[in-house]
Protein backbone atom coordinates (compact mmCIF):
# COMPACT_ATOMS: atom_id res chain seq x y z
CA MET A 1 68.39 -91.79 186.97
CA GLY A 2 69.55 -95.39 186.11
CA GLY A 3 70.44 -98.34 188.74
CA PRO A 4 71.10 -101.81 188.54
CA HIS A 5 69.52 -103.64 185.55
CA ASP A 6 68.68 -107.15 184.31
CA ILE A 7 71.21 -106.60 181.33
CA LEU A 8 74.42 -109.08 181.77
CA ILE A 9 77.77 -108.71 180.27
CA PRO A 10 77.96 -111.93 177.78
CA GLU A 11 78.80 -115.07 179.50
CA GLY A 12 81.95 -115.61 177.18
CA THR A 13 83.68 -112.04 178.12
CA SER A 14 87.25 -112.92 178.70
CA TRP A 15 87.90 -110.40 181.61
CA LEU A 16 84.56 -111.72 183.37
CA ASN A 17 86.09 -114.90 183.63
CA ASN A 18 89.86 -113.88 184.34
CA PRO A 19 90.98 -115.41 187.69
CA ALA A 20 93.05 -113.06 188.14
CA ALA A 21 90.75 -110.29 188.15
CA ARG A 22 88.26 -112.33 190.29
CA ARG A 23 91.19 -112.23 192.56
CA VAL A 24 91.50 -108.68 192.85
CA PHE A 25 87.77 -108.53 193.21
CA GLU A 26 87.45 -110.85 195.97
CA ALA A 27 90.10 -109.20 197.93
CA VAL A 28 88.51 -105.90 197.81
CA GLN A 29 85.29 -107.43 198.84
CA ALA A 30 86.52 -109.08 201.62
CA GLY A 31 86.79 -105.53 203.43
CA GLY A 32 83.09 -105.25 202.93
CA PHE A 33 83.65 -102.81 200.24
CA GLN A 34 81.93 -102.30 196.34
CA ILE A 35 83.86 -102.96 193.62
CA TYR A 36 83.11 -102.73 189.58
CA PHE A 37 84.17 -103.16 186.23
CA VAL A 38 83.80 -99.87 184.69
CA GLY A 39 84.26 -97.88 181.34
CA GLY A 40 85.53 -99.15 178.16
CA CYS A 41 85.79 -102.82 179.03
CA VAL A 42 82.29 -102.84 179.74
CA ARG A 43 80.72 -100.60 177.02
CA ASN A 44 82.70 -102.83 174.15
CA ALA A 45 81.30 -106.12 175.94
CA LEU A 46 77.90 -104.60 175.78
CA LEU A 47 78.61 -103.87 171.83
CA ASP A 48 80.01 -106.97 171.00
CA LEU A 49 83.39 -105.36 170.48
CA PRO A 50 87.01 -106.36 171.05
CA ASP A 51 88.45 -105.89 174.78
CA SER A 52 89.05 -102.76 175.95
CA ASP A 53 91.35 -101.94 178.92
CA VAL A 54 90.12 -103.46 181.76
CA ASP A 55 89.52 -100.95 184.98
CA MET A 56 88.06 -101.15 188.09
CA SER A 57 86.20 -98.71 190.60
CA THR A 58 85.33 -98.92 194.18
CA ASN A 59 84.15 -97.03 196.92
CA ALA A 60 87.29 -97.94 199.58
CA ARG A 61 90.02 -95.60 199.62
CA PRO A 62 93.24 -96.13 198.36
CA ASP A 63 94.97 -97.41 201.65
CA ASP A 64 92.04 -99.64 201.95
CA VAL A 65 92.88 -101.36 198.47
CA THR A 66 96.53 -101.20 199.11
CA ARG A 67 95.95 -103.14 202.36
CA LEU A 68 93.47 -105.51 201.08
CA ALA A 69 95.26 -106.58 198.11
CA ARG A 70 98.51 -107.22 200.25
CA ALA A 71 96.97 -109.33 202.77
CA ALA A 72 95.57 -111.34 199.70
CA GLY A 73 99.16 -111.71 198.72
CA LEU A 74 98.78 -109.39 195.88
CA LYS A 75 101.18 -106.82 194.80
CA ALA A 76 99.88 -103.08 195.19
CA ILE A 77 101.56 -100.16 193.33
CA PRO A 78 100.36 -96.76 193.93
CA THR A 79 100.79 -95.33 190.32
CA GLY A 80 97.92 -92.58 190.70
CA ILE A 81 97.73 -92.24 194.33
CA ASP A 82 96.91 -88.49 194.05
CA HIS A 83 93.57 -89.27 191.78
CA GLY A 84 92.97 -92.36 193.96
CA THR A 85 94.41 -94.91 191.87
CA ILE A 86 96.19 -98.21 192.55
CA THR A 87 97.73 -100.62 190.44
CA VAL A 88 97.05 -104.58 191.79
CA VAL A 89 99.61 -107.28 189.88
CA VAL A 90 98.08 -110.52 189.86
CA ASP A 91 100.70 -113.16 188.08
CA GLY A 92 101.58 -110.41 185.91
CA GLN A 93 98.58 -108.43 184.89
CA PRO A 94 98.15 -105.43 186.08
CA PHE A 95 94.91 -103.60 187.47
CA GLU A 96 94.10 -100.11 187.49
CA ILE A 97 91.56 -99.65 190.71
CA THR A 98 90.25 -96.23 191.52
CA THR A 99 88.30 -94.71 194.07
CA PHE A 100 84.96 -93.56 193.52
CA ARG A 101 85.69 -89.77 193.08
CA ARG A 102 83.99 -86.52 192.43
CA ASP A 103 84.95 -83.15 190.88
CA VAL A 104 86.04 -80.25 193.18
CA GLU A 105 87.52 -77.88 190.82
CA ALA A 106 88.82 -78.19 186.74
CA ASP A 107 90.41 -75.62 184.78
CA GLY A 108 90.04 -77.36 181.54
CA ARG A 109 93.02 -79.81 181.59
CA ARG A 110 93.16 -81.19 184.81
CA ALA A 111 90.66 -81.49 187.97
CA VAL A 112 90.93 -81.76 191.36
CA VAL A 113 88.89 -84.40 192.83
CA ALA A 114 87.75 -85.62 196.11
CA PHE A 115 86.77 -89.13 197.35
CA SER A 116 83.33 -90.10 197.42
CA ASP A 117 81.28 -93.01 198.76
CA ASP A 118 78.45 -92.33 195.66
CA ILE A 119 78.76 -94.47 192.77
CA THR A 120 76.79 -91.40 191.08
CA ASP A 121 79.48 -89.07 191.95
CA ASP A 122 82.14 -91.29 190.15
CA ALA A 123 79.33 -91.66 187.05
CA ARG A 124 79.19 -87.93 186.82
CA ARG A 125 82.67 -86.88 186.25
CA ARG A 126 82.95 -89.25 183.44
CA ASP A 127 82.82 -88.02 179.39
CA PHE A 128 79.66 -89.77 177.97
CA THR A 129 77.03 -91.87 179.07
CA MET A 130 78.20 -94.92 177.28
CA ASN A 131 81.04 -94.68 179.48
CA ALA A 132 79.37 -94.54 182.80
CA LEU A 133 78.53 -98.22 183.01
CA TYR A 134 79.75 -100.42 185.83
CA ALA A 135 79.62 -104.52 186.01
CA ASP A 136 79.88 -106.57 189.20
CA LEU A 137 81.36 -109.98 189.12
CA SER A 138 78.39 -111.67 188.22
CA GLY A 139 78.33 -109.52 184.93
CA ARG A 140 75.38 -107.67 186.17
CA VAL A 141 75.30 -104.19 184.93
CA THR A 142 74.59 -100.90 186.76
CA ASP A 143 73.81 -97.82 184.99
CA PRO A 144 73.93 -94.82 187.42
CA LEU A 145 72.94 -92.12 184.87
CA GLY A 146 70.77 -94.03 182.74
CA GLY A 147 73.24 -94.48 179.80
CA LEU A 148 72.47 -97.40 178.88
CA PRO A 149 69.76 -96.62 176.35
CA ASP A 150 72.59 -94.31 174.80
CA LEU A 151 75.12 -97.43 174.00
CA LEU A 152 72.28 -99.79 173.20
CA ALA A 153 71.38 -96.95 170.54
CA ARG A 154 75.26 -96.18 169.79
CA ARG A 155 74.90 -92.48 170.73
CA VAL A 156 77.90 -90.53 171.79
CA ARG A 157 76.27 -88.22 174.42
CA PHE A 158 77.97 -85.87 176.87
CA ILE A 159 76.86 -86.57 180.67
CA GLU A 160 74.52 -84.03 181.60
CA ASP A 161 75.37 -80.54 180.71
CA ALA A 162 77.91 -80.75 177.64
CA ASP A 163 78.94 -77.47 178.05
CA GLN A 164 80.26 -77.82 181.55
CA ARG A 165 81.70 -81.55 180.56
CA ILE A 166 83.79 -79.49 177.96
CA LYS A 167 84.88 -76.75 180.17
CA GLU A 168 85.95 -79.73 182.60
CA ASP A 169 88.66 -80.83 180.25
CA TYR A 170 89.03 -79.00 176.56
CA LEU A 171 90.38 -82.66 175.51
CA ARG A 172 86.51 -84.15 175.61
CA THR A 173 85.93 -82.59 172.26
CA LEU A 174 88.41 -84.53 170.56
CA ARG A 175 87.45 -87.48 172.75
CA PHE A 176 83.76 -86.88 171.25
CA PHE A 177 84.76 -87.30 167.75
CA ARG A 178 87.18 -90.09 168.06
CA PHE A 179 83.94 -92.00 170.21
CA SER A 180 81.86 -90.63 167.50
CA ALA A 181 83.88 -92.31 164.73
CA TRP A 182 84.59 -95.44 166.54
CA TYR A 183 81.42 -96.17 168.40
CA ALA A 184 78.23 -94.16 167.15
CA ASP A 185 75.67 -95.03 164.26
CA PRO A 186 76.55 -93.31 161.27
CA GLY A 187 73.24 -93.17 160.18
CA GLU A 188 72.29 -90.98 163.27
CA GLY A 189 74.67 -88.32 162.85
CA PHE A 190 76.04 -85.98 165.61
CA ASP A 191 74.26 -84.87 169.09
CA ALA A 192 73.33 -81.48 168.15
CA ASP A 193 73.60 -80.60 172.24
CA ALA A 194 77.20 -81.37 171.76
CA LEU A 195 78.04 -79.96 168.58
CA ALA A 196 76.83 -76.46 169.89
CA SER A 197 78.63 -76.93 172.84
CA ILE A 198 81.67 -77.77 171.18
CA ALA A 199 81.24 -74.69 168.74
CA ALA A 200 81.05 -72.29 171.58
CA ASN A 201 83.91 -73.70 173.28
CA THR A 202 86.56 -74.22 170.38
CA GLU A 203 89.06 -71.47 172.11
CA GLY A 204 89.80 -73.88 174.79
CA LEU A 205 91.46 -76.23 172.53
CA GLU A 206 94.35 -73.93 172.37
CA THR A 207 95.25 -74.77 175.97
CA LEU A 208 95.79 -78.76 175.00
CA SER A 209 99.34 -80.12 174.84
CA ALA A 210 100.54 -81.33 171.69
CA GLU A 211 100.91 -85.01 173.29
CA ARG A 212 97.09 -84.90 174.31
CA VAL A 213 96.15 -83.87 171.02
CA GLY A 214 98.19 -85.99 169.08
CA GLN A 215 96.91 -89.25 171.04
CA GLU A 216 93.45 -88.60 170.46
CA MET A 217 93.68 -87.54 166.57
CA THR A 218 95.84 -90.50 166.00
CA LYS A 219 92.83 -92.86 167.62
CA LEU A 220 90.52 -91.06 165.44
CA LEU A 221 92.23 -91.57 162.37
CA ARG A 222 92.47 -95.33 163.09
CA ALA A 223 88.80 -95.68 162.96
CA PRO A 224 87.05 -97.47 160.23
CA ASP A 225 85.60 -94.43 158.74
CA PRO A 226 86.75 -91.14 160.26
CA ALA A 227 85.77 -88.70 157.48
CA PRO A 228 82.41 -87.60 159.14
CA ALA A 229 83.89 -86.96 162.08
CA VAL A 230 86.63 -84.55 160.65
CA ALA A 231 84.35 -83.21 158.47
CA THR A 232 82.22 -82.00 161.28
CA MET A 233 85.28 -81.15 163.11
CA ARG A 234 85.93 -78.69 160.19
CA GLN A 235 82.35 -77.16 159.69
CA ILE A 236 82.23 -76.55 163.43
CA GLY A 237 85.70 -74.50 163.65
CA VAL A 238 87.73 -77.31 165.60
CA LEU A 239 89.84 -78.77 163.05
CA PRO A 240 91.25 -75.44 161.79
CA VAL A 241 92.31 -74.72 165.69
CA ILE A 242 94.18 -77.98 166.34
CA LEU A 243 95.57 -78.28 162.40
CA PRO A 244 95.71 -74.78 160.77
CA GLY A 245 95.58 -75.17 156.92
CA THR A 246 94.54 -78.94 156.81
CA ASP A 247 91.59 -80.05 153.86
CA ASP A 248 89.26 -82.93 154.60
CA ARG A 249 88.00 -82.92 150.91
CA TRP A 250 90.21 -86.16 150.03
CA LEU A 251 89.90 -88.15 152.99
CA ALA A 252 86.67 -89.78 152.03
CA PRO A 253 87.92 -90.57 148.71
CA LEU A 254 91.21 -92.26 150.32
CA ILE A 255 89.19 -94.27 152.89
CA HIS A 256 86.50 -95.39 149.70
CA LEU A 257 89.63 -96.29 147.93
CA GLU A 258 90.90 -98.42 151.26
CA GLY A 259 88.26 -100.53 150.89
CA ALA A 260 87.66 -100.85 146.75
CA LEU A 261 91.58 -101.89 146.77
CA GLY A 262 91.81 -103.88 150.00
CA VAL A 263 94.49 -102.21 151.47
CA LEU A 264 94.86 -101.62 155.17
CA PRO A 265 94.29 -98.50 156.31
CA ASP A 266 97.56 -96.43 157.66
CA TRP A 267 96.64 -93.39 159.68
CA ARG A 268 99.18 -91.62 158.84
CA ALA A 269 98.05 -91.79 154.77
CA ARG A 270 95.32 -90.27 156.47
CA LEU A 271 96.80 -87.54 158.17
CA ALA A 272 99.04 -86.53 155.09
CA VAL A 273 96.12 -86.38 152.96
CA LEU A 274 94.77 -83.66 154.92
CA GLY A 275 97.74 -81.68 154.11
CA GLY A 276 99.01 -78.50 156.44
CA ASP A 277 101.94 -77.59 157.51
CA GLY A 278 103.62 -78.30 160.92
CA THR A 279 101.36 -81.15 161.72
CA ASP A 280 104.32 -83.44 163.16
CA ALA A 281 105.12 -80.74 165.78
CA ARG A 282 101.44 -80.01 166.62
CA LEU A 283 100.48 -83.27 167.32
CA ARG A 284 104.10 -84.19 168.49
CA LEU A 285 104.59 -87.27 166.30
CA SER A 286 107.39 -89.89 166.90
CA LYS A 287 110.39 -88.96 164.40
CA VAL A 288 109.55 -92.49 162.61
CA ASP A 289 105.82 -91.44 161.99
CA ALA A 290 106.70 -87.91 161.29
CA ARG A 291 109.06 -88.92 158.58
CA VAL A 292 106.54 -91.30 157.12
CA VAL A 293 103.74 -88.36 157.11
CA GLN A 294 106.44 -86.25 155.56
CA LEU A 295 106.97 -89.25 152.76
CA TYR A 296 103.41 -89.41 152.09
CA GLN A 297 102.71 -85.70 151.54
CA THR A 298 105.78 -85.23 149.21
CA GLN A 299 105.12 -88.27 147.23
CA GLY A 300 101.96 -88.64 147.38
CA PHE A 301 101.17 -84.98 145.57
CA ALA A 302 104.25 -85.99 142.87
CA GLY A 303 107.32 -87.98 142.97
CA PRO A 304 108.62 -90.78 141.25
CA PRO A 305 106.58 -93.78 140.16
CA PRO A 306 105.24 -96.00 142.39
CA SER A 307 107.79 -98.84 141.57
CA GLU A 308 110.55 -97.21 142.72
CA ILE A 309 109.09 -96.30 145.94
CA ALA A 310 108.16 -99.89 146.65
CA TYR A 311 112.02 -100.55 145.80
CA ARG A 312 113.23 -97.76 148.09
CA GLU A 313 110.44 -97.46 150.82
CA GLY A 314 108.93 -100.87 150.59
CA ARG A 315 105.42 -102.26 149.16
CA ASP A 316 102.95 -100.90 151.82
CA ALA A 317 104.26 -97.34 151.63
CA ALA A 318 104.11 -97.26 147.75
CA ARG A 319 100.38 -98.62 147.91
CA GLN A 320 99.83 -95.73 150.34
CA VAL A 321 101.05 -93.42 147.70
CA VAL A 322 99.26 -95.01 145.07
CA MET A 323 95.96 -94.68 146.63
CA LEU A 324 96.71 -91.02 147.80
CA ARG A 325 97.00 -90.04 144.48
CA ALA A 326 93.84 -91.46 142.91
CA ALA A 327 92.08 -90.13 145.95
CA MET A 328 93.12 -86.63 144.92
CA ALA A 329 92.76 -87.48 141.28
CA GLU A 330 89.50 -88.89 142.32
CA ASN A 331 89.72 -92.07 140.14
CA MET A 332 90.29 -95.63 140.52
CA PRO A 333 94.00 -96.58 139.99
CA ASP A 334 94.92 -99.25 137.32
CA MET A 335 95.07 -102.56 139.31
CA SER A 336 98.50 -103.39 137.36
CA VAL A 337 99.98 -101.18 139.40
CA LEU A 338 99.60 -103.20 142.64
CA GLU A 339 101.40 -106.06 140.87
CA THR A 340 104.03 -103.88 139.65
CA ILE A 341 104.78 -102.85 143.46
CA ASN A 342 104.87 -106.09 144.53
CA ARG A 343 107.50 -107.24 142.26
CA ALA A 344 109.66 -103.98 142.65
CA ALA A 345 109.55 -104.19 146.36
CA GLU A 346 111.35 -107.54 146.01
CA ALA A 347 114.02 -106.84 143.70
CA ILE A 348 117.48 -106.61 144.70
CA PHE A 349 120.02 -104.20 142.77
CA PRO A 350 122.29 -106.72 141.41
CA ILE A 351 125.63 -104.32 141.50
CA LYS A 352 127.91 -104.32 144.63
CA ALA A 353 130.69 -101.89 145.03
CA ALA A 354 133.18 -104.70 144.40
CA ASP A 355 131.93 -105.46 140.81
CA LEU A 356 133.29 -101.81 140.21
CA MET A 357 136.46 -101.59 141.60
CA PRO A 358 139.28 -101.03 141.42
CA ASP A 359 138.27 -98.71 138.11
CA TYR A 360 136.06 -96.59 140.66
CA GLN A 361 137.29 -95.46 143.97
CA GLY A 362 135.76 -93.34 146.68
CA PRO A 363 133.19 -90.49 145.77
CA ALA A 364 133.56 -91.40 141.98
CA LEU A 365 132.30 -95.10 142.75
CA GLY A 366 129.40 -93.74 145.00
CA LYS A 367 128.36 -91.73 142.16
CA ARG A 368 128.72 -94.61 139.64
CA LEU A 369 126.69 -96.91 141.70
CA LYS A 370 123.88 -94.48 142.01
CA GLU A 371 124.03 -93.92 138.08
CA LEU A 372 123.76 -97.52 137.43
CA GLU A 373 120.88 -98.04 139.96
CA ALA A 374 118.88 -95.15 138.40
CA ALA A 375 119.49 -97.15 135.20
CA TRP A 376 118.37 -100.50 136.58
CA ILE A 377 115.28 -98.49 138.31
CA ALA A 378 114.53 -96.73 134.67
CA SER A 379 114.50 -100.21 133.06
CA ASP A 380 111.77 -101.34 135.30
CA PHE A 381 114.54 -103.42 136.92
CA THR A 382 114.92 -105.88 134.10
CA LEU A 383 118.54 -105.17 133.42
CA ASP A 384 120.90 -107.52 135.00
CA ALA A 385 124.55 -107.03 136.35
CA LYS A 386 125.95 -108.10 132.95
CA ALA A 387 124.13 -105.51 131.10
CA LEU A 388 124.40 -102.75 133.75
CA LEU A 389 128.24 -103.80 134.00
CA GLU A 390 128.38 -103.13 129.97
CA ARG A 391 126.88 -99.91 130.15
């Protein structure tokens, strides 16, 4: 097992020097209790990555946290009291403080927990070794389960028994691939024990809600390069369960093109290139995101010229469609098309309804406007108002 380490959080880490966070620590410590920063903020600071959510963990019970916070003049809100979480607000900044816990019972979707005084109990109920790291107010890292070597080697590994961790919450399967895409050393591959346990428990994924699956998949697809993780999900049977009918063969080419063309990634284009039916419902996408995915799927395979897409849907949408088409054709697009897209996205149709009245009225007016707009688009946006009105 691990314990306190000489390793320290980098001095310039913002949350470590946040006066509001220090006030929370000082309030809880005034009652004689332990309190630590925990999880993602510690992980990211040690990896020199952008700040993650700042969460805190303590051996103080929720009532004690509430009492001590209010005694220090801070606002305490019981946002997750059943799970031991109190949100303390300092100068408008919220901090979630959760009492050390241990799992009493888990059904694969949610757990029954009991409070604990032991930081090791709290560490054991987390998912991956790299997330079971704690830091005190001086920045000194405590590692109850010896996960620090995994973090520094960028290994995503389940805490203790992978099979048990997965059965406690089947969402951890998707979290494994998401964390691998974001934090793992791509040259080291995936933990073999984790993959074996995941492959043996794919049926549990069917019990997860669409919202939870959607949250994990969108986070995964936002990673710099999710292609290896998604390919492994397919190989061991995870992808067919959560997104039946999808095919990841064009995902890696799309990601390559993003880098080659300097186009910002769009997770919705990455989802669209996977294909499949009903992904919006299976991931419970918002109406806006579902529409964009549908646009990319329909026009990424076939559709109007990129210039027309740029005019109707904007430059970014057209650029994504160009990359989708190029990825599936497995070739580089003509770079001039990007210049055409930029010009088309700024084009403004020179004819207004008033220009056609009173010769056209009602439905005939709408029809004529569409005819002239189609002719203008076909001219590559070159016809002016005079030329169009003379047609």
